[in-house]
Amino acid sequence: MTASWKTEEGLPESRWIDRAGTREVLAILHRADEVVHEAVGRALPAIERTVELAMAALSAGGRVVYVGAGTSGRLGALDAAEMPPTFGLDPSRVFATIAGGPAALSRAVEGAEDDREAGRRAMAEHGVSPADLVLGITASGRTPFVLAALEEAGTRGAARAILVANSAPPALPAETVIEVLVGAEAIAGSTRLKSGTATKIVLNLITTATMVRLGKVYENLMVDLAPTNEKLRGRARRILAEVCGATASEADRLLAAAAGPSPVKVAIAMKRLGLSAAEARRRLDEAGGFLHRLLG
């Protein structure tokens, strides 16, 4: 066993987990997770640098591309899938590529993570360019598919970051390395546990902070949401009620008039400033999409 792969080691406290009752098994697993938030906290400087890279890419018309295998790839896909409904972002702007392709999202594709050529090919197929940020996700820091994708991204001039749950090996193909050192897993090598939890938290931080900094939130409200189902339409109504006192029926009329990009923001500007939809959209564009700049 490689000494630096802490996630391949068994947690001493879980050595006899196979002999424990259900409540004790749960307690062991729960206690093991207690280190995750502290580990993420230690990585905040590197996470901040990654947010800045993501902001730069998206502001310049580029993309954020997650690359992973197994659990890491699935977590990237999960995070990326939330960007359109939550922040109104086009699905092409933040997306994930996973070793083994779409089939690997729901079942294991054996050997896919070892395919370096597939990692390189994925970057070529997606047309990765200097405008993009490629974020590799690999608990071990050594997954061939991910490392090869990052190498190819580098040859194409893209910004690169990597998220790992072990001490990073030397000469990783990324300018920013996020080390979230959660240590040994309760089940040796099962990186869907602490490592997976830490990965989800870090991805939440990166995308949420990026969207906040790009003006997709007003106060703490998701004003760039896409009201594409009843739950989100209800949330849009509540946002309009909170920000500008609109009734439910008035909110529906405003949202209908503001149809198009950023309908909630446009509707708020219409109500608060007494503007037409076209003028509200123009003024919002002048403010760079930041509602607080427009409303004061």
Protein backbone atom coordinates (compact mmCIF):
# COMPACT_ATOMS: atom_id res chain seq x y z
CA MET A 1 0.00 0.00 0.00
CA THR A 2 1.34 3.43 -0.91
CA ALA A 3 2.05 5.26 2.34
CA SER A 4 0.92 8.65 1.03
CA TRP A 5 -2.51 7.32 0.03
CA LYS A 6 -4.13 7.88 3.40
CA THR A 7 -7.56 7.12 1.96
CA GLU A 8 -6.39 3.56 1.23
CA GLU A 9 -5.73 3.00 4.92
CA GLY A 10 -8.35 1.80 7.36
CA LEU A 11 -9.42 4.05 10.19
CA PRO A 12 -8.22 2.52 13.50
CA GLU A 13 -11.54 3.35 15.15
CA SER A 14 -13.37 1.23 12.58
CA ARG A 15 -11.14 -1.83 12.74
CA TRP A 16 -13.86 -3.98 14.32
CA ILE A 17 -16.80 -2.42 12.49
CA ASP A 18 -17.74 -5.81 11.06
CA ARG A 19 -18.64 -6.99 14.57
CA ALA A 20 -20.63 -3.92 15.62
CA GLY A 21 -24.39 -3.52 15.85
CA THR A 22 -26.25 -1.16 13.54
CA ARG A 23 -26.26 1.81 15.93
CA GLU A 24 -22.53 1.43 16.59
CA VAL A 25 -21.75 1.14 12.87
CA LEU A 26 -23.65 4.37 12.28
CA ALA A 27 -21.86 6.08 15.18
CA ILE A 28 -18.46 5.04 13.83
CA LEU A 29 -19.27 6.35 10.36
CA HIS A 30 -20.69 9.57 11.76
CA ARG A 31 -17.65 10.23 13.96
CA ALA A 32 -15.36 9.60 11.01
CA ASP A 33 -17.03 12.45 9.12
CA GLU A 34 -16.24 14.98 11.84
CA VAL A 35 -12.87 15.82 10.28
CA VAL A 36 -14.31 16.80 6.90
CA HIS A 37 -15.25 20.43 7.56
CA GLU A 38 -11.92 21.17 9.23
CA ALA A 39 -10.08 19.67 6.25
CA VAL A 40 -12.10 21.80 3.85
CA GLY A 41 -11.38 24.88 5.96
CA ARG A 42 -7.64 24.34 5.62
CA ALA A 43 -8.06 24.30 1.84
CA LEU A 44 -9.94 27.62 1.58
CA PRO A 45 -6.99 29.58 0.11
CA ALA A 46 -6.69 27.14 -2.80
CA ILE A 47 -10.48 27.06 -3.18
CA GLU A 48 -10.45 30.87 -3.37
CA ARG A 49 -7.86 30.76 -6.17
CA THR A 50 -10.05 28.29 -8.04
CA VAL A 51 -13.08 30.55 -7.68
CA GLU A 52 -11.08 33.41 -9.17
CA LEU A 53 -10.13 31.19 -12.12
CA ALA A 54 -13.76 30.14 -12.61
CA MET A 55 -14.91 33.77 -12.49
CA ALA A 56 -12.31 34.74 -15.06
CA ALA A 57 -13.31 31.91 -17.38
CA LEU A 58 -17.05 32.53 -17.20
CA SER A 59 -16.69 36.32 -17.43
CA ALA A 60 -14.66 35.94 -20.63
CA GLY A 61 -17.19 33.63 -22.27
CA GLY A 62 -15.30 30.47 -21.36
CA ARG A 63 -16.41 27.39 -19.47
CA VAL A 64 -15.73 25.40 -16.32
CA VAL A 65 -15.11 21.75 -17.16
CA TYR A 66 -15.08 19.10 -14.43
CA VAL A 67 -13.12 15.91 -15.12
CA GLY A 68 -13.38 12.83 -12.91
CA ALA A 69 -13.83 9.08 -12.68
CA GLY A 70 -16.25 7.08 -10.55
CA THR A 71 -17.60 8.95 -7.54
CA SER A 72 -15.50 12.01 -8.35
CA GLY A 73 -16.92 12.25 -11.85
CA ARG A 74 -20.48 11.72 -10.65
CA LEU A 75 -20.14 14.46 -8.06
CA GLY A 76 -18.87 16.82 -10.74
CA ALA A 77 -21.85 15.98 -12.93
CA LEU A 78 -24.23 16.48 -10.00
CA ASP A 79 -22.83 19.92 -9.23
CA ALA A 80 -22.80 21.03 -12.86
CA ALA A 81 -26.40 19.91 -13.38
CA GLU A 82 -27.58 22.34 -10.68
CA MET A 83 -26.21 25.46 -12.38
CA PRO A 84 -29.03 26.00 -14.94
CA PRO A 85 -32.03 25.79 -12.57
CA THR A 86 -30.34 27.49 -9.63
CA PHE A 87 -28.44 30.26 -11.38
CA GLY A 88 -29.89 30.39 -14.89
CA LEU A 89 -26.58 29.38 -16.44
CA ASP A 90 -26.56 27.73 -19.86
CA PRO A 91 -25.69 24.02 -19.43
CA SER A 92 -22.73 24.42 -21.78
CA ARG A 93 -20.97 26.83 -19.40
CA VAL A 94 -20.35 24.42 -16.50
CA PHE A 95 -20.34 20.72 -17.31
CA ALA A 96 -18.63 17.46 -16.40
CA THR A 97 -16.90 14.73 -18.35
CA ILE A 98 -16.58 11.35 -16.66
CA ALA A 99 -14.34 8.40 -17.45
CA GLY A 100 -16.44 5.83 -19.27
CA GLY A 101 -18.86 8.41 -20.64
CA PRO A 102 -22.52 8.95 -19.70
CA ALA A 103 -23.02 5.26 -18.87
CA ALA A 104 -20.61 5.69 -15.95
CA LEU A 105 -23.01 8.09 -14.25
CA SER A 106 -25.24 5.21 -13.15
CA ARG A 107 -22.93 2.20 -13.10
CA ALA A 108 -19.23 1.39 -12.82
CA VAL A 109 -17.33 1.18 -16.11
CA GLU A 110 -14.36 -0.96 -15.18
CA GLY A 111 -10.97 0.22 -16.35
CA ALA A 112 -12.23 3.56 -17.67
CA GLU A 113 -10.29 5.57 -15.10
CA ASP A 114 -7.02 4.08 -16.39
CA ASP A 115 -7.60 5.21 -19.99
CA ARG A 116 -5.24 8.15 -20.48
CA GLU A 117 -6.03 8.47 -24.17
CA ALA A 118 -9.73 8.85 -23.38
CA GLY A 119 -8.90 11.72 -21.03
CA ARG A 120 -6.96 13.51 -23.73
CA ARG A 121 -9.64 12.79 -26.29
CA ALA A 122 -12.36 14.23 -24.05
CA MET A 123 -10.58 17.59 -23.94
CA ALA A 124 -10.23 17.60 -27.72
CA GLU A 125 -13.87 16.63 -28.26
CA HIS A 126 -15.03 19.46 -26.00
CA GLY A 127 -12.76 21.93 -27.77
CA VAL A 128 -11.04 23.04 -24.56
CA SER A 129 -9.32 26.38 -25.12
CA PRO A 130 -7.46 29.17 -23.27
CA ALA A 131 -10.85 30.63 -22.30
CA ASP A 132 -11.70 27.62 -20.12
CA LEU A 133 -10.97 26.31 -16.63
CA VAL A 134 -10.56 22.55 -16.33
CA LEU A 135 -10.97 21.19 -12.79
CA GLY A 136 -9.76 17.64 -12.25
CA ILE A 137 -11.35 15.70 -9.38
CA THR A 138 -9.46 12.67 -8.07
CA ALA A 139 -9.32 11.52 -4.45
CA SER A 140 -5.98 9.78 -4.96
CA GLY A 141 -4.46 12.55 -7.08
CA ARG A 142 -3.28 9.87 -9.48
CA THR A 143 -6.21 8.86 -11.70
CA PRO A 144 -4.76 8.46 -15.22
CA PHE A 145 -7.90 9.64 -17.06
CA VAL A 146 -7.96 12.86 -15.04
CA LEU A 147 -4.24 13.59 -15.19
CA ALA A 148 -4.11 13.03 -18.94
CA ALA A 149 -7.10 15.33 -19.43
CA LEU A 150 -5.34 18.04 -17.43
CA GLU A 151 -2.16 17.57 -19.44
CA GLU A 152 -4.10 17.97 -22.68
CA ALA A 153 -5.94 20.99 -21.28
CA GLY A 154 -2.56 22.55 -20.52
CA THR A 155 -1.36 22.09 -24.09
CA ARG A 156 -4.52 23.90 -25.18
CA GLY A 157 -3.81 26.84 -22.88
CA ALA A 158 -6.66 26.30 -20.43
CA ALA A 159 -6.42 27.22 -16.76
CA ARG A 160 -6.20 24.10 -14.59
CA ALA A 161 -7.01 23.14 -11.01
CA ILE A 162 -7.16 19.77 -9.29
CA LEU A 163 -9.05 18.61 -6.20
CA VAL A 164 -7.46 15.75 -4.24
CA ALA A 165 -8.08 14.03 -0.90
CA ASN A 166 -4.50 12.81 -0.38
CA SER A 167 -1.20 14.63 -0.15
CA ALA A 168 -0.63 15.77 -3.71
CA PRO A 169 2.14 13.99 -5.59
CA PRO A 170 4.82 16.23 -7.10
CA ALA A 171 4.43 17.84 -10.50
CA LEU A 172 0.66 17.58 -10.85
CA PRO A 173 -0.53 19.03 -14.19
CA ALA A 174 -2.41 21.94 -12.61
CA GLU A 175 -1.54 25.45 -11.49
CA THR A 176 -3.86 25.26 -8.46
CA VAL A 177 -4.02 22.22 -6.17
CA ILE A 178 -6.84 21.87 -3.63
CA GLU A 179 -5.78 19.35 -0.98
CA VAL A 180 -8.60 18.27 1.32
CA LEU A 181 -6.80 15.85 3.61
CA VAL A 182 -9.56 13.86 5.29
CA GLY A 183 -7.31 10.92 6.20
CA ALA A 184 -8.14 7.23 6.38
CA GLU A 185 -11.63 6.06 5.49
CA ALA A 186 -13.86 4.07 7.83
CA ILE A 187 -13.88 1.38 5.13
CA ALA A 188 -10.34 1.35 3.75
CA GLY A 189 -10.24 2.78 0.24
CA SER A 190 -13.94 3.69 0.10
CA THR A 191 -13.45 7.25 -1.09
CA ARG A 192 -17.19 7.73 -1.61
CA LEU A 193 -17.26 8.30 2.18
CA LYS A 194 -15.23 11.18 3.70
CA SER A 195 -13.47 11.98 0.45
CA GLY A 196 -16.75 12.10 -1.45
CA THR A 197 -18.39 14.26 1.21
CA ALA A 198 -15.44 16.66 1.14
CA THR A 199 -15.54 16.77 -2.65
CA LYS A 200 -19.23 17.70 -2.67
CA ILE A 201 -18.63 20.47 -0.14
CA VAL A 202 -15.73 21.90 -2.12
CA LEU A 203 -17.66 21.86 -5.39
CA ASN A 204 -20.59 23.55 -3.63
CA LEU A 205 -18.21 26.25 -2.41
CA ILE A 206 -16.57 26.80 -5.79
CA THR A 207 -19.71 27.14 -7.87
CA THR A 208 -21.79 28.99 -5.28
CA ALA A 209 -19.05 31.53 -4.54
CA THR A 210 -18.45 31.97 -8.26
CA MET A 211 -22.13 32.61 -8.96
CA VAL A 212 -22.39 35.06 -6.05
CA ARG A 213 -19.35 36.97 -7.29
CA LEU A 214 -20.78 37.08 -10.82
CA GLY A 215 -23.97 38.77 -9.62
CA LYS A 216 -26.31 35.80 -9.76
CA VAL A 217 -27.48 36.41 -6.17
CA TYR A 218 -29.15 39.49 -4.68
CA GLU A 219 -28.70 39.67 -0.91
CA ASN A 220 -29.02 35.91 -0.29
CA LEU A 221 -31.70 35.24 -2.90
CA MET A 222 -31.21 33.21 -6.10
CA VAL A 223 -32.51 35.90 -8.40
CA ASP A 224 -31.12 34.26 -11.55
CA LEU A 225 -33.06 31.03 -11.09
CA ALA A 226 -34.87 29.58 -14.09
CA PRO A 227 -38.57 29.23 -13.10
CA THR A 228 -39.08 26.04 -15.10
CA ASN A 229 -41.28 24.08 -12.68
CA GLU A 230 -43.91 24.86 -10.06
CA LYS A 231 -41.45 24.77 -7.17
CA LEU A 232 -39.17 27.29 -8.85
CA ARG A 233 -42.09 29.43 -10.01
CA GLY A 234 -43.25 29.55 -6.41
CA ARG A 235 -39.76 30.56 -5.30
CA ALA A 236 -39.69 33.31 -7.94
CA ARG A 237 -43.01 34.65 -6.63
CA ARG A 238 -41.68 34.66 -3.06
CA ILE A 239 -38.53 36.49 -4.15
CA LEU A 240 -40.60 39.16 -5.88
CA ALA A 241 -42.78 39.48 -2.78
CA GLU A 242 -39.75 39.88 -0.52
CA VAL A 243 -37.76 42.27 -2.69
CA CYS A 244 -40.50 44.49 -4.05
CA GLY A 245 -43.77 43.58 -2.35
CA ALA A 246 -45.41 42.00 -5.39
CA THR A 247 -48.54 39.92 -4.89
CA ALA A 248 -48.62 36.41 -6.37
CA SER A 249 -50.76 37.49 -9.32
CA GLU A 250 -48.65 40.58 -9.90
CA ALA A 251 -45.50 38.46 -9.76
CA ASP A 252 -46.91 36.16 -12.43
CA ARG A 253 -47.68 39.13 -14.69
CA LEU A 254 -44.21 40.58 -14.18
CA LEU A 255 -42.49 37.27 -14.86
CA ALA A 256 -44.52 36.78 -18.03
CA ALA A 257 -43.56 40.25 -19.24
CA ALA A 258 -39.91 39.60 -18.34
CA ALA A 259 -39.69 36.31 -20.25
CA GLY A 260 -36.18 35.65 -21.52
CA PRO A 261 -32.81 35.68 -19.77
CA SER A 262 -32.85 36.52 -16.04
CA PRO A 263 -36.63 36.95 -15.79
CA VAL A 264 -36.67 37.35 -12.00
CA LYS A 265 -34.05 40.11 -12.06
CA VAL A 266 -35.83 41.89 -14.87
CA ALA A 267 -39.18 41.59 -13.09
CA ILE A 268 -37.69 43.05 -9.90
CA ALA A 269 -36.24 45.99 -11.82
CA MET A 270 -39.57 46.57 -13.56
CA LYS A 271 -41.46 46.70 -10.27
CA ARG A 272 -38.93 48.60 -8.16
CA LEU A 273 -37.96 51.19 -10.78
CA GLY A 274 -41.19 51.41 -12.80
CA LEU A 275 -39.53 50.31 -16.02
CA SER A 276 -40.66 48.44 -19.09
CA ALA A 277 -39.21 44.97 -19.59
CA ALA A 278 -36.93 46.19 -22.38
CA GLU A 279 -35.65 49.14 -20.35
CA ALA A 280 -35.19 47.00 -17.23
CA ARG A 281 -33.16 44.51 -19.23
CA ARG A 282 -31.04 47.27 -20.76
CA ARG A 283 -30.35 48.86 -17.38
CA LEU A 284 -29.54 45.48 -15.87
CA ASP A 285 -27.05 44.80 -18.67
CA GLU A 286 -25.42 48.18 -17.99
CA ALA A 287 -25.04 47.11 -14.35
CA GLY A 288 -23.24 43.95 -15.43
CA GLY A 289 -26.14 41.82 -14.25
CA PHE A 290 -25.67 42.92 -10.62
CA LEU A 291 -29.07 43.78 -9.20
CA HIS A 292 -27.66 45.63 -6.18
CA ARG A 293 -25.81 48.02 -8.51
CA LEU A 294 -29.05 48.80 -10.31
CA LEU A 295 -31.26 49.16 -7.24
CA GLY A 296 -28.70 50.88 -5.03
